[in-house]
Amino acid sequence: MTELDSSVKEQLTREIEQEIAEHKIVFYGKGTKEMPLCGFTVETVQFFNQFGYPFHVVDVLHNMEKRAVLSEMTNWPTLPKVFINGKFYGDTDILGPMADNGELMTVLKEAFPEGAGV
């Protein structure tokens, strides 16, 4: 991929920062929550469905520029990219063990002090 124009990069960075700020759980993947288009996005949707907290999926399948900016922002080359309460957590390879040891529930309860289903 060629180097992004700085104004495009700045615009995409602002857009991503706004999406992260607007949603307590947001992940960038291929497809939507209702129609994931790759196995890893399916896995991440199923993973978050089990907790009962609202989450948002941003489809970046065809947006290579946004994917490039996300990779640069996170230093994480692959999708999905999960953010909880503004912090980047990687994907289910990271979140699965966090769920197993109870750490993820602590993070989710901090993000949603009002509880699940809100």
PDB file of N, CA and C in Angstrom:
ATOM      1  N   MET A   1       0.840  -1.182   0.000  1.00  0.00           N
ATOM      2  CA  MET A   1       0.000   0.000   0.000  1.00  0.00           C
ATOM      3  C   MET A   1       0.880   1.239   0.000  1.00  0.00           C
ATOM      4  N   THR A   2       0.499   2.230  -0.763  1.00  0.00           N
ATOM      5  CA  THR A   2       1.269   3.458  -0.822  1.00  0.00           C
ATOM      6  C   THR A   2       1.009   4.290   0.423  1.00  0.00           C
ATOM      7  N   GLU A   3       1.904   5.221   0.678  1.00  0.00           N
ATOM      8  CA  GLU A   3       1.783   6.105   1.831  1.00  0.00           C
ATOM      9  C   GLU A   3       0.503   6.934   1.706  1.00  0.00           C
ATOM     10  N   LEU A   4      -0.246   7.025   2.801  1.00  0.00           N
ATOM     11  CA  LEU A   4      -1.482   7.800   2.791  1.00  0.00           C
ATOM     12  C   LEU A   4      -1.187   9.288   2.839  1.00  0.00           C
ATOM     13  N   ASP A   5      -1.986  10.052   2.137  1.00  0.00           N
ATOM     14  CA  ASP A   5      -1.926  11.501   2.221  1.00  0.00           C
ATOM     15  C   ASP A   5      -2.163  11.895   3.679  1.00  0.00           C
ATOM     16  N   SER A   6      -1.408  12.856   4.176  1.00  0.00           N
ATOM     17  CA  SER A   6      -1.502  13.205   5.602  1.00  0.00           C
ATOM     18  C   SER A   6      -2.887  13.696   5.996  1.00  0.00           C
ATOM     19  N   SER A   7      -3.576  14.409   5.107  1.00  0.00           N
ATOM     20  CA  SER A   7      -4.918  14.889   5.457  1.00  0.00           C
ATOM     21  C   SER A   7      -5.908  13.722   5.530  1.00  0.00           C
ATOM     22  N   VAL A   8      -5.759  12.731   4.647  1.00  0.00           N
ATOM     23  CA  VAL A   8      -6.613  11.538   4.696  1.00  0.00           C
ATOM     24  C   VAL A   8      -6.334  10.769   5.985  1.00  0.00           C
ATOM     25  N   LYS A   9      -5.078  10.619   6.305  1.00  0.00           N
ATOM     26  CA  LYS A   9      -4.680   9.903   7.520  1.00  0.00           C
ATOM     27  C   LYS A   9      -5.239  10.606   8.764  1.00  0.00           C
ATOM     28  N   GLU A  10      -5.126  11.928   8.822  1.00  0.00           N
ATOM     29  CA  GLU A  10      -5.658  12.688   9.957  1.00  0.00           C
ATOM     30  C   GLU A  10      -7.173  12.539  10.057  1.00  0.00           C
ATOM     31  N   GLN A  11      -7.855  12.602   8.930  1.00  0.00           N
ATOM     32  CA  GLN A  11      -9.318  12.466   8.915  1.00  0.00           C
ATOM     33  C   GLN A  11      -9.729  11.077   9.419  1.00  0.00           C
ATOM     34  N   LEU A  12      -9.056  10.047   8.943  1.00  0.00           N
ATOM     35  CA  LEU A  12      -9.376   8.683   9.369  1.00  0.00           C
ATOM     36  C   LEU A  12      -9.050   8.474  10.841  1.00  0.00           C
ATOM     37  N   THR A  13      -7.964   9.048  11.303  1.00  0.00           N
ATOM     38  CA  THR A  13      -7.603   8.943  12.723  1.00  0.00           C
ATOM     39  C   THR A  13      -8.690   9.576  13.587  1.00  0.00           C
ATOM     40  N   ARG A  14      -9.159  10.754  13.206  1.00  0.00           N
ATOM     41  CA  ARG A  14     -10.246  11.421  13.953  1.00  0.00           C
ATOM     42  C   ARG A  14     -11.520  10.575  13.938  1.00  0.00           C
ATOM     43  N   GLU A  15     -11.827  10.015  12.779  1.00  0.00           N
ATOM     44  CA  GLU A  15     -13.019   9.160  12.643  1.00  0.00           C
ATOM     45  C   GLU A  15     -12.924   7.949  13.578  1.00  0.00           C
ATOM     46  N   ILE A  16     -11.780   7.307  13.600  1.00  0.00           N
ATOM     47  CA  ILE A  16     -11.573   6.135  14.461  1.00  0.00           C
ATOM     48  C   ILE A  16     -11.660   6.544  15.928  1.00  0.00           C
ATOM     49  N   GLU A  17     -11.012   7.637  16.291  1.00  0.00           N
ATOM     50  CA  GLU A  17     -11.052   8.106  17.681  1.00  0.00           C
ATOM     51  C   GLU A  17     -12.484   8.408  18.114  1.00  0.00           C
ATOM     52  N   GLN A  18     -13.276   8.969  17.211  1.00  0.00           N
ATOM     53  CA  GLN A  18     -14.671   9.264  17.520  1.00  0.00           C
ATOM     54  C   GLN A  18     -15.473   7.970  17.711  1.00  0.00           C
ATOM     55  N   GLU A  19     -15.257   6.997  16.854  1.00  0.00           N
ATOM     56  CA  GLU A  19     -15.961   5.707  16.982  1.00  0.00           C
ATOM     57  C   GLU A  19     -15.607   5.038  18.307  1.00  0.00           C
ATOM     58  N   ILE A  20     -14.341   5.090  18.677  1.00  0.00           N
ATOM     59  CA  ILE A  20     -13.905   4.485  19.938  1.00  0.00           C
ATOM     60  C   ILE A  20     -14.529   5.221  21.123  1.00  0.00           C
ATOM     61  N   ALA A  21     -14.617   6.544  21.038  1.00  0.00           N
ATOM     62  CA  ALA A  21     -15.197   7.337  22.121  1.00  0.00           C
ATOM     63  C   ALA A  21     -16.706   7.118  22.244  1.00  0.00           C
ATOM     64  N   GLU A  22     -17.385   6.855  21.133  1.00  0.00           N
ATOM     65  CA  GLU A  22     -18.847   6.719  21.131  1.00  0.00           C
ATOM     66  C   GLU A  22     -19.343   5.359  21.623  1.00  0.00           C
ATOM     67  N   HIS A  23     -18.486   4.347  21.633  1.00  0.00           N
ATOM     68  CA  HIS A  23     -18.917   2.990  21.973  1.00  0.00           C
ATOM     69  C   HIS A  23     -17.988   2.397  23.029  1.00  0.00           C
ATOM     70  N   LYS A  24     -18.566   1.915  24.107  1.00  0.00           N
ATOM     71  CA  LYS A  24     -17.743   1.332  25.173  1.00  0.00           C
ATOM     72  C   LYS A  24     -17.015   0.081  24.695  1.00  0.00           C
ATOM     73  N   ILE A  25     -17.657  -0.689  23.824  1.00  0.00           N
ATOM     74  CA  ILE A  25     -16.991  -1.813  23.162  1.00  0.00           C
ATOM     75  C   ILE A  25     -17.178  -1.612  21.661  1.00  0.00           C
ATOM     76  N   VAL A  26     -16.074  -1.543  20.962  1.00  0.00           N
ATOM     77  CA  VAL A  26     -16.132  -1.436  19.504  1.00  0.00           C
ATOM     78  C   VAL A  26     -15.027  -2.311  18.938  1.00  0.00           C
ATOM     79  N   PHE A  27     -15.363  -3.002  17.878  1.00  0.00           N
ATOM     80  CA  PHE A  27     -14.282  -3.695  17.181  1.00  0.00           C
ATOM     81  C   PHE A  27     -14.410  -3.513  15.685  1.00  0.00           C
ATOM     82  N   TYR A  28     -13.248  -3.507  15.071  1.00  0.00           N
ATOM     83  CA  TYR A  28     -13.107  -3.331  13.632  1.00  0.00           C
ATOM     84  C   TYR A  28     -12.877  -4.699  13.026  1.00  0.00           C
ATOM     85  N   GLY A  29     -13.744  -5.061  12.084  1.00  0.00           N
ATOM     86  CA  GLY A  29     -13.656  -6.385  11.487  1.00  0.00           C
ATOM     87  C   GLY A  29     -14.122  -6.365  10.047  1.00  0.00           C
ATOM     88  N   LYS A  30     -14.413  -7.551   9.561  1.00  0.00           N
ATOM     89  CA  LYS A  30     -14.887  -7.727   8.184  1.00  0.00           C
ATOM     90  C   LYS A  30     -16.348  -8.133   8.238  1.00  0.00           C
ATOM     91  N   GLY A  31     -17.221  -7.191   7.882  1.00  0.00           N
ATOM     92  CA  GLY A  31     -18.655  -7.422   7.947  1.00  0.00           C
ATOM     93  C   GLY A  31     -19.267  -6.682   9.118  1.00  0.00           C
ATOM     94  N   THR A  32     -20.500  -7.051   9.425  1.00  0.00           N
ATOM     95  CA  THR A  32     -21.244  -6.395  10.500  1.00  0.00           C
ATOM     96  C   THR A  32     -21.579  -7.409  11.589  1.00  0.00           C
ATOM     97  N   LYS A  33     -22.155  -6.909  12.662  1.00  0.00           N
ATOM     98  CA  LYS A  33     -22.588  -7.790  13.749  1.00  0.00           C
ATOM     99  C   LYS A  33     -23.629  -8.786  13.225  1.00  0.00           C
ATOM    100  N   GLU A  34     -24.533  -8.308  12.372  1.00  0.00           N
ATOM    101  CA  GLU A  34     -25.598  -9.141  11.832  1.00  0.00           C
ATOM    102  C   GLU A  34     -25.117 -10.046  10.699  1.00  0.00           C
ATOM    103  N   MET A  35     -24.068  -9.623   9.994  1.00  0.00           N
ATOM    104  CA  MET A  35     -23.560 -10.398   8.871  1.00  0.00           C
ATOM    105  C   MET A  35     -22.026 -10.333   8.817  1.00  0.00           C
ATOM    106  N   PRO A  36     -21.374 -11.036   9.748  1.00  0.00           N
ATOM    107  CA  PRO A  36     -19.915 -11.072   9.705  1.00  0.00           C
ATOM    108  C   PRO A  36     -19.444 -11.804   8.454  1.00  0.00           C
ATOM    109  N   LEU A  37     -18.345 -11.334   7.874  1.00  0.00           N
ATOM    110  CA  LEU A  37     -17.886 -11.875   6.594  1.00  0.00           C
ATOM    111  C   LEU A  37     -16.552 -12.606   6.680  1.00  0.00           C
ATOM    112  N   CYS A  38     -16.104 -12.907   7.874  1.00  0.00           N
ATOM    113  CA  CYS A  38     -14.925 -13.768   8.013  1.00  0.00           C
ATOM    114  C   CYS A  38     -15.028 -14.504   9.346  1.00  0.00           C
ATOM    115  N   GLY A  39     -14.344 -15.607   9.434  1.00  0.00           N
ATOM    116  CA  GLY A  39     -14.427 -16.446  10.626  1.00  0.00           C
ATOM    117  C   GLY A  39     -14.004 -15.735  11.898  1.00  0.00           C
ATOM    118  N   PHE A  40     -13.006 -14.871  11.804  1.00  0.00           N
ATOM    119  CA  PHE A  40     -12.535 -14.181  12.995  1.00  0.00           C
ATOM    120  C   PHE A  40     -13.546 -13.148  13.481  1.00  0.00           C
ATOM    121  N   THR A  41     -14.249 -12.506  12.544  1.00  0.00           N
ATOM    122  CA  THR A  41     -15.303 -11.571  12.942  1.00  0.00           C
ATOM    123  C   THR A  41     -16.471 -12.338  13.545  1.00  0.00           C
ATOM    124  N   VAL A  42     -16.834 -13.472  12.963  1.00  0.00           N
ATOM    125  CA  VAL A  42     -17.882 -14.331  13.544  1.00  0.00           C
ATOM    126  C   VAL A  42     -17.496 -14.701  14.973  1.00  0.00           C
ATOM    127  N   GLU A  43     -16.279 -15.155  15.158  1.00  0.00           N
ATOM    128  CA  GLU A  43     -15.795 -15.563  16.481  1.00  0.00           C
ATOM    129  C   GLU A  43     -15.876 -14.415  17.487  1.00  0.00           C
ATOM    130  N   THR A  44     -15.524 -13.210  17.068  1.00  0.00           N
ATOM    131  CA  THR A  44     -15.532 -12.063  17.974  1.00  0.00           C
ATOM    132  C   THR A  44     -16.957 -11.647  18.318  1.00  0.00           C
ATOM    133  N   VAL A  45     -17.865 -11.680  17.352  1.00  0.00           N
ATOM    134  CA  VAL A  45     -19.279 -11.388  17.626  1.00  0.00           C
ATOM    135  C   VAL A  45     -19.829 -12.407  18.628  1.00  0.00           C
ATOM    136  N   GLN A  46     -19.572 -13.681  18.396  1.00  0.00           N
ATOM    137  CA  GLN A  46     -20.052 -14.721  19.315  1.00  0.00           C
ATOM    138  C   GLN A  46     -19.435 -14.545  20.699  1.00  0.00           C
ATOM    139  N   PHE A  47     -18.168 -14.191  20.753  1.00  0.00           N
ATOM    140  CA  PHE A  47     -17.473 -13.980  22.014  1.00  0.00           C
ATOM    141  C   PHE A  47     -18.180 -12.898  22.832  1.00  0.00           C
ATOM    142  N   PHE A  48     -18.452 -11.748  22.203  1.00  0.00           N
ATOM    143  CA  PHE A  48     -19.078 -10.655  22.950  1.00  0.00           C
ATOM    144  C   PHE A  48     -20.557 -10.903  23.227  1.00  0.00           C
ATOM    145  N   ASN A  49     -21.238 -11.642  22.388  1.00  0.00           N
ATOM    146  CA  ASN A  49     -22.648 -11.960  22.650  1.00  0.00           C
ATOM    147  C   ASN A  49     -22.833 -12.683  23.985  1.00  0.00           C
ATOM    148  N   GLN A  50     -21.863 -13.472  24.381  1.00  0.00           N
ATOM    149  CA  GLN A  50     -21.999 -14.255  25.606  1.00  0.00           C
ATOM    150  C   GLN A  50     -21.998 -13.399  26.876  1.00  0.00           C
ATOM    151  N   PHE A  51     -21.534 -12.156  26.792  1.00  0.00           N
ATOM    152  CA  PHE A  51     -21.437 -11.322  27.994  1.00  0.00           C
ATOM    153  C   PHE A  51     -22.647 -10.431  28.221  1.00  0.00           C
ATOM    154  N   GLY A  52     -23.419 -10.162  27.177  1.00  0.00           N
ATOM    155  CA  GLY A  52     -24.634  -9.374  27.330  1.00  0.00           C
ATOM    156  C   GLY A  52     -24.444  -7.867  27.335  1.00  0.00           C
ATOM    157  N   TYR A  53     -23.248  -7.409  27.064  1.00  0.00           N
ATOM    158  CA  TYR A  53     -22.999  -5.972  26.999  1.00  0.00           C
ATOM    159  C   TYR A  53     -23.131  -5.504  25.558  1.00  0.00           C
ATOM    160  N   PRO A  54     -23.618  -4.278  25.351  1.00  0.00           N
ATOM    161  CA  PRO A  54     -23.734  -3.778  23.971  1.00  0.00           C
ATOM    162  C   PRO A  54     -22.357  -3.559  23.354  1.00  0.00           C
ATOM    163  N   PHE A  55     -22.241  -3.885  22.077  1.00  0.00           N
ATOM    164  CA  PHE A  55     -20.989  -3.646  21.367  1.00  0.00           C
ATOM    165  C   PHE A  55     -21.298  -3.234  19.943  1.00  0.00           C
ATOM    166  N   HIS A  56     -20.333  -2.571  19.342  1.00  0.00           N
ATOM    167  CA  HIS A  56     -20.494  -2.040  17.991  1.00  0.00           C
ATOM    168  C   HIS A  56     -19.395  -2.618  17.103  1.00  0.00           C
ATOM    169  N   VAL A  57     -19.772  -2.969  15.870  1.00  0.00           N
ATOM    170  CA  VAL A  57     -18.809  -3.492  14.909  1.00  0.00           C
ATOM    171  C   VAL A  57     -18.693  -2.497  13.756  1.00  0.00           C
ATOM    172  N   VAL A  58     -17.468  -2.143  13.415  1.00  0.00           N
ATOM    173  CA  VAL A  58     -17.214  -1.280  12.266  1.00  0.00           C
ATOM    174  C   VAL A  58     -16.636  -2.154  11.156  1.00  0.00           C
ATOM    175  N   ASP A  59     -17.330  -2.184  10.029  1.00  0.00           N
ATOM    176  CA  ASP A  59     -16.905  -2.989   8.884  1.00  0.00           C
ATOM    177  C   ASP A  59     -15.819  -2.247   8.113  1.00  0.00           C
ATOM    178  N   VAL A  60     -14.623  -2.817   8.096  1.00  0.00           N
ATOM    179  CA  VAL A  60     -13.517  -2.217   7.344  1.00  0.00           C
ATOM    180  C   VAL A  60     -13.020  -3.146   6.235  1.00  0.00           C
ATOM    181  N   LEU A  61     -13.865  -4.094   5.846  1.00  0.00           N
ATOM    182  CA  LEU A  61     -13.474  -5.065   4.828  1.00  0.00           C
ATOM    183  C   LEU A  61     -12.922  -4.391   3.570  1.00  0.00           C
ATOM    184  N   HIS A  62     -13.623  -3.385   3.082  1.00  0.00           N
ATOM    185  CA  HIS A  62     -13.240  -2.755   1.824  1.00  0.00           C
ATOM    186  C   HIS A  62     -12.562  -1.399   2.009  1.00  0.00           C
ATOM    187  N   ASN A  63     -12.240  -1.056   3.242  1.00  0.00           N
ATOM    188  CA  ASN A  63     -11.630   0.243   3.504  1.00  0.00           C
ATOM    189  C   ASN A  63     -10.167   0.042   3.901  1.00  0.00           C
ATOM    190  N   MET A  64      -9.331  -0.175   2.908  1.00  0.00           N
ATOM    191  CA  MET A  64      -7.915  -0.464   3.157  1.00  0.00           C
ATOM    192  C   MET A  64      -7.194   0.710   3.808  1.00  0.00           C
ATOM    193  N   GLU A  65      -7.595   1.931   3.483  1.00  0.00           N
ATOM    194  CA  GLU A  65      -6.959   3.094   4.105  1.00  0.00           C
ATOM    195  C   GLU A  65      -7.227   3.121   5.603  1.00  0.00           C
ATOM    196  N   LYS A  66      -8.467   2.880   5.989  1.00  0.00           N
ATOM    197  CA  LYS A  66      -8.800   2.880   7.418  1.00  0.00           C
ATOM    198  C   LYS A  66      -8.096   1.727   8.124  1.00  0.00           C
ATOM    199  N   ARG A  67      -8.017   0.587   7.481  1.00  0.00           N
ATOM    200  CA  ARG A  67      -7.304  -0.552   8.055  1.00  0.00           C
ATOM    201  C   ARG A  67      -5.834  -0.213   8.281  1.00  0.00           C
ATOM    202  N   ALA A  68      -5.234   0.496   7.324  1.00  0.00           N
ATOM    203  CA  ALA A  68      -3.829   0.889   7.457  1.00  0.00           C
ATOM    204  C   ALA A  68      -3.639   1.838   8.641  1.00  0.00           C
ATOM    205  N   VAL A  69      -4.538   2.788   8.799  1.00  0.00           N
ATOM    206  CA  VAL A  69      -4.444   3.727   9.925  1.00  0.00           C
ATOM    207  C   VAL A  69      -4.642   2.983  11.244  1.00  0.00           C
ATOM    208  N   LEU A  70      -5.602   2.086  11.293  1.00  0.00           N
ATOM    209  CA  LEU A  70      -5.825   1.283  12.503  1.00  0.00           C
ATOM    210  C   LEU A  70      -4.586   0.467  12.861  1.00  0.00           C
ATOM    211  N   SER A  71      -3.971  -0.146  11.872  1.00  0.00           N
ATOM    212  CA  SER A  71      -2.772  -0.942  12.125  1.00  0.00           C
ATOM    213  C   SER A  71      -1.648  -0.078  12.676  1.00  0.00           C
ATOM    214  N   GLU A  72      -1.521   1.109  12.132  1.00  0.00           N
ATOM    215  CA  GLU A  72      -0.486   2.025  12.619  1.00  0.00           C
ATOM    216  C   GLU A  72      -0.797   2.498  14.043  1.00  0.00           C
ATOM    217  N   MET A  73      -2.080   2.812  14.312  1.00  0.00           N
ATOM    218  CA  MET A  73      -2.474   3.289  15.643  1.00  0.00           C
ATOM    219  C   MET A  73      -2.259   2.226  16.717  1.00  0.00           C
ATOM    220  N   THR A  74      -2.499   0.969  16.359  1.00  0.00           N
ATOM    221  CA  THR A  74      -2.485  -0.104  17.356  1.00  0.00           C
ATOM    222  C   THR A  74      -1.214  -0.945  17.336  1.00  0.00           C
ATOM    223  N   ASN A  75      -0.442  -0.827  16.272  1.00  0.00           N
ATOM    224  CA  ASN A  75       0.719  -1.699  16.068  1.00  0.00           C
ATOM    225  C   ASN A  75       0.278  -3.165  16.059  1.00  0.00           C
ATOM    226  N   TRP A  76      -0.902  -3.413  15.481  1.00  0.00           N
ATOM    227  CA  TRP A  76      -1.512  -4.741  15.412  1.00  0.00           C
ATOM    228  C   TRP A  76      -1.938  -4.951  13.966  1.00  0.00           C
ATOM    229  N   PRO A  77      -1.336  -5.891  13.248  1.00  0.00           N
ATOM    230  CA  PRO A  77      -1.563  -5.981  11.801  1.00  0.00           C
ATOM    231  C   PRO A  77      -2.879  -6.623  11.382  1.00  0.00           C
ATOM    232  N   THR A  78      -3.499  -7.404  12.248  1.00  0.00           N
ATOM    233  CA  THR A  78      -4.646  -8.205  11.818  1.00  0.00           C
ATOM    234  C   THR A  78      -5.975  -7.665  12.354  1.00  0.00           C
ATOM    235  N   LEU A  79      -7.055  -8.166  11.759  1.00  0.00           N
ATOM    236  CA  LEU A  79      -8.419  -7.898  12.225  1.00  0.00           C
ATOM    237  C   LEU A  79      -8.938  -9.166  12.873  1.00  0.00           C
ATOM    238  N   PRO A  80      -9.882  -9.032  13.774  1.00  0.00           N
ATOM    239  CA  PRO A  80     -10.478  -7.836  14.336  1.00  0.00           C
ATOM    240  C   PRO A  80      -9.533  -7.106  15.296  1.00  0.00           C
ATOM    241  N   LYS A  81      -9.892  -5.847  15.534  1.00  0.00           N
ATOM    242  CA  LYS A  81      -9.200  -5.016  16.502  1.00  0.00           C
ATOM    243  C   LYS A  81     -10.256  -4.554  17.510  1.00  0.00           C
ATOM    244  N   VAL A  82     -10.102  -4.955  18.766  1.00  0.00           N
ATOM    245  CA  VAL A  82     -11.112  -4.702  19.792  1.00  0.00           C
ATOM    246  C   VAL A  82     -10.653  -3.586  20.731  1.00  0.00           C
ATOM    247  N   PHE A  83     -11.571  -2.642  20.965  1.00  0.00           N
ATOM    248  CA  PHE A  83     -11.355  -1.574  21.938  1.00  0.00           C
ATOM    249  C   PHE A  83     -12.449  -1.661  22.991  1.00  0.00           C
ATOM    250  N   ILE A  84     -12.070  -1.579  24.251  1.00  0.00           N
ATOM    251  CA  ILE A  84     -13.024  -1.552  25.354  1.00  0.00           C
ATOM    252  C   ILE A  84     -12.707  -0.333  26.196  1.00  0.00           C
ATOM    253  N   ASN A  85     -13.727   0.510  26.349  1.00  0.00           N
ATOM    254  CA  ASN A  85     -13.582   1.723  27.157  1.00  0.00           C
ATOM    255  C   ASN A  85     -12.391   2.565  26.695  1.00  0.00           C
ATOM    256  N   GLY A  86     -12.190   2.613  25.375  1.00  0.00           N
ATOM    257  CA  GLY A  86     -11.140   3.439  24.805  1.00  0.00           C
ATOM    258  C   GLY A  86      -9.771   2.795  24.729  1.00  0.00           C
ATOM    259  N   LYS A  87      -9.618   1.603  25.282  1.00  0.00           N
ATOM    260  CA  LYS A  87      -8.316   0.937  25.300  1.00  0.00           C
ATOM    261  C   LYS A  87      -8.299  -0.217  24.300  1.00  0.00           C
ATOM    262  N   PHE A  88      -7.197  -0.353  23.574  1.00  0.00           N
ATOM    263  CA  PHE A  88      -7.045  -1.421  22.597  1.00  0.00           C
ATOM    264  C   PHE A  88      -6.663  -2.723  23.298  1.00  0.00           C
ATOM    265  N   TYR A  89      -7.375  -3.805  22.942  1.00  0.00           N
ATOM    266  CA  TYR A  89      -7.126  -5.114  23.557  1.00  0.00           C
ATOM    267  C   TYR A  89      -6.706  -6.196  22.576  1.00  0.00           C
ATOM    268  N   GLY A  90      -6.574  -5.899  21.302  1.00  0.00           N
ATOM    269  CA  GLY A  90      -6.189  -6.939  20.351  1.00  0.00           C
ATOM    270  C   GLY A  90      -7.413  -7.650  19.809  1.00  0.00           C
ATOM    271  N   ASP A  91      -7.433  -8.986  19.953  1.00  0.00           N
ATOM    272  CA  ASP A  91      -8.551  -9.788  19.452  1.00  0.00           C
ATOM    273  C   ASP A  91      -8.867 -10.885  20.462  1.00  0.00           C
ATOM    274  N   THR A  92      -9.634 -11.884  20.047  1.00  0.00           N
ATOM    275  CA  THR A  92     -10.047 -12.921  21.005  1.00  0.00           C
ATOM    276  C   THR A  92      -8.887 -13.802  21.457  1.00  0.00           C
ATOM    277  N   ASP A  93      -7.782 -13.792  20.732  1.00  0.00           N
ATOM    278  CA  ASP A  93      -6.596 -14.518  21.225  1.00  0.00           C
ATOM    279  C   ASP A  93      -6.101 -13.914  22.538  1.00  0.00           C
ATOM    280  N   ILE A  94      -6.305 -12.632  22.710  1.00  0.00           N
ATOM    281  CA  ILE A  94      -5.937 -11.932  23.947  1.00  0.00           C
ATOM    282  C   ILE A  94      -7.111 -11.968  24.927  1.00  0.00           C
ATOM    283  N   LEU A  95      -8.318 -11.701  24.412  1.00  0.00           N
ATOM    284  CA  LEU A  95      -9.492 -11.579  25.280  1.00  0.00           C
ATOM    285  C   LEU A  95      -9.960 -12.914  25.850  1.00  0.00           C
ATOM    286  N   GLY A  96      -9.773 -14.012  25.113  1.00  0.00           N
ATOM    287  CA  GLY A  96     -10.186 -15.332  25.604  1.00  0.00           C
ATOM    288  C   GLY A  96      -9.526 -15.679  26.926  1.00  0.00           C
ATOM    289  N   PRO A  97      -8.196 -15.627  27.010  1.00  0.00           N
ATOM    290  CA  PRO A  97      -7.540 -15.890  28.292  1.00  0.00           C
ATOM    291  C   PRO A  97      -7.939 -14.890  29.382  1.00  0.00           C
ATOM    292  N   MET A  98      -8.192 -13.627  28.978  1.00  0.00           N
ATOM    293  CA  MET A  98      -8.650 -12.642  29.964  1.00  0.00           C
ATOM    294  C   MET A  98     -10.019 -13.033  30.510  1.00  0.00           C
ATOM    295  N   ALA A  99     -10.883 -13.587  29.660  1.00  0.00           N
ATOM    296  CA  ALA A  99     -12.196 -14.047  30.114  1.00  0.00           C
ATOM    297  C   ALA A  99     -12.029 -15.240  31.049  1.00  0.00           C
ATOM    298  N   ASP A 100     -11.131 -16.144  30.692  1.00  0.00           N
ATOM    299  CA  ASP A 100     -10.920 -17.349  31.493  1.00  0.00           C
ATOM    300  C   ASP A 100     -10.415 -17.038  32.900  1.00  0.00           C
ATOM    301  N   ASN A 101      -9.566 -16.025  33.024  1.00  0.00           N
ATOM    302  CA  ASN A 101      -9.011 -15.736  34.353  1.00  0.00           C
ATOM    303  C   ASN A 101      -9.781 -14.657  35.113  1.00  0.00           C
ATOM    304  N   GLY A 102     -10.889 -14.160  34.541  1.00  0.00           N
ATOM    305  CA  GLY A 102     -11.727 -13.188  35.234  1.00  0.00           C
ATOM    306  C   GLY A 102     -11.352 -11.737  34.984  1.00  0.00           C
ATOM    307  N   GLU A 103     -10.231 -11.506  34.351  1.00  0.00           N
ATOM    308  CA  GLU A 103      -9.773 -10.137  34.117  1.00  0.00           C
ATOM    309  C   GLU A 103     -10.723  -9.363  33.209  1.00  0.00           C
ATOM    310  N   LEU A 104     -11.284 -10.036  32.199  1.00  0.00           N
ATOM    311  CA  LEU A 104     -12.176  -9.351  31.270  1.00  0.00           C
ATOM    312  C   LEU A 104     -13.448  -8.869  31.969  1.00  0.00           C
ATOM    313  N   MET A 105     -13.992  -9.662  32.879  1.00  0.00           N
ATOM    314  CA  MET A 105     -15.202  -9.222  33.586  1.00  0.00           C
ATOM    315  C   MET A 105     -14.927  -7.956  34.382  1.00  0.00           C
ATOM    316  N   THR A 106     -13.739  -7.843  34.954  1.00  0.00           N
ATOM    317  CA  THR A 106     -13.363  -6.628  35.675  1.00  0.00           C
ATOM    318  C   THR A 106     -13.351  -5.438  34.722  1.00  0.00           C
ATOM    319  N   VAL A 107     -12.763  -5.616  33.547  1.00  0.00           N
ATOM    320  CA  VAL A 107     -12.709  -4.559  32.538  1.00  0.00           C
ATOM    321  C   VAL A 107     -14.126  -4.170  32.107  1.00  0.00           C
ATOM    322  N   LEU A 108     -14.976  -5.155  31.859  1.00  0.00           N
ATOM    323  CA  LEU A 108     -16.349  -4.882  31.419  1.00  0.00           C
ATOM    324  C   LEU A 108     -17.159  -4.182  32.505  1.00  0.00           C
ATOM    325  N   LYS A 109     -16.994  -4.589  33.739  1.00  0.00           N
ATOM    326  CA  LYS A 109     -17.729  -3.949  34.845  1.00  0.00           C
ATOM    327  C   LYS A 109     -17.266  -2.501  35.046  1.00  0.00           C
ATOM    328  N   GLU A 110     -15.990  -2.241  34.801  1.00  0.00           N
ATOM    329  CA  GLU A 110     -15.498  -0.861  34.863  1.00  0.00           C
ATOM    330  C   GLU A 110     -16.091  -0.039  33.711  1.00  0.00           C
ATOM    331  N   ALA A 111     -16.204  -0.626  32.541  1.00  0.00           N
ATOM    332  CA  ALA A 111     -16.752   0.068  31.374  1.00  0.00           C
ATOM    333  C   ALA A 111     -18.254   0.289  31.502  1.00  0.00           C
ATOM    334  N   PHE A 112     -18.927  -0.650  32.169  1.00  0.00           N
ATOM    335  CA  PHE A 112     -20.389  -0.612  32.321  1.00  0.00           C
ATOM    336  C   PHE A 112     -20.761  -0.710  33.789  1.00  0.00           C
ATOM    337  N   PRO A 113     -20.498   0.349  34.579  1.00  0.00           N
ATOM    338  CA  PRO A 113     -20.821   0.270  36.010  1.00  0.00           C
ATOM    339  C   PRO A 113     -22.319   0.071  36.262  1.00  0.00           C
ATOM    340  N   GLU A 114     -23.150   0.422  35.271  1.00  0.00           N
ATOM    341  CA  GLU A 114     -24.596   0.244  35.391  1.00  0.00           C
ATOM    342  C   GLU A 114     -25.025  -1.194  35.134  1.00  0.00           C
ATOM    343  N   GLY A 115     -24.105  -2.034  34.681  1.00  0.00           N
ATOM    344  CA  GLY A 115     -24.417  -3.450  34.445  1.00  0.00           C
ATOM    345  C   GLY A 115     -24.618  -3.755  32.986  1.00  0.00           C
ATOM    346  N   ALA A 116     -24.789  -5.038  32.698  1.00  0.00           N
ATOM    347  CA  ALA A 116     -24.975  -5.524  31.324  1.00  0.00           C
ATOM    348  C   ALA A 116     -26.359  -5.160  30.818  1.00  0.00           C
ATOM    349  N   GLY A 117     -26.515  -5.231  29.509  1.00  0.00           N
ATOM    350  CA  GLY A 117     -27.821  -5.024  28.889  1.00  0.00           C
ATOM    351  C   GLY A 117     -28.247  -3.580  28.814  1.00  0.00           C
ATOM    352  N   VAL A 118     -27.328  -2.654  29.071  1.00  0.00           N
ATOM    353  CA  VAL A 118     -27.682  -1.234  29.058  1.00  0.00           C
ATOM    354  C   VAL A 118     -27.307  -0.625  27.724  1.00  0.00           C
TER     355      VAL A 118
END
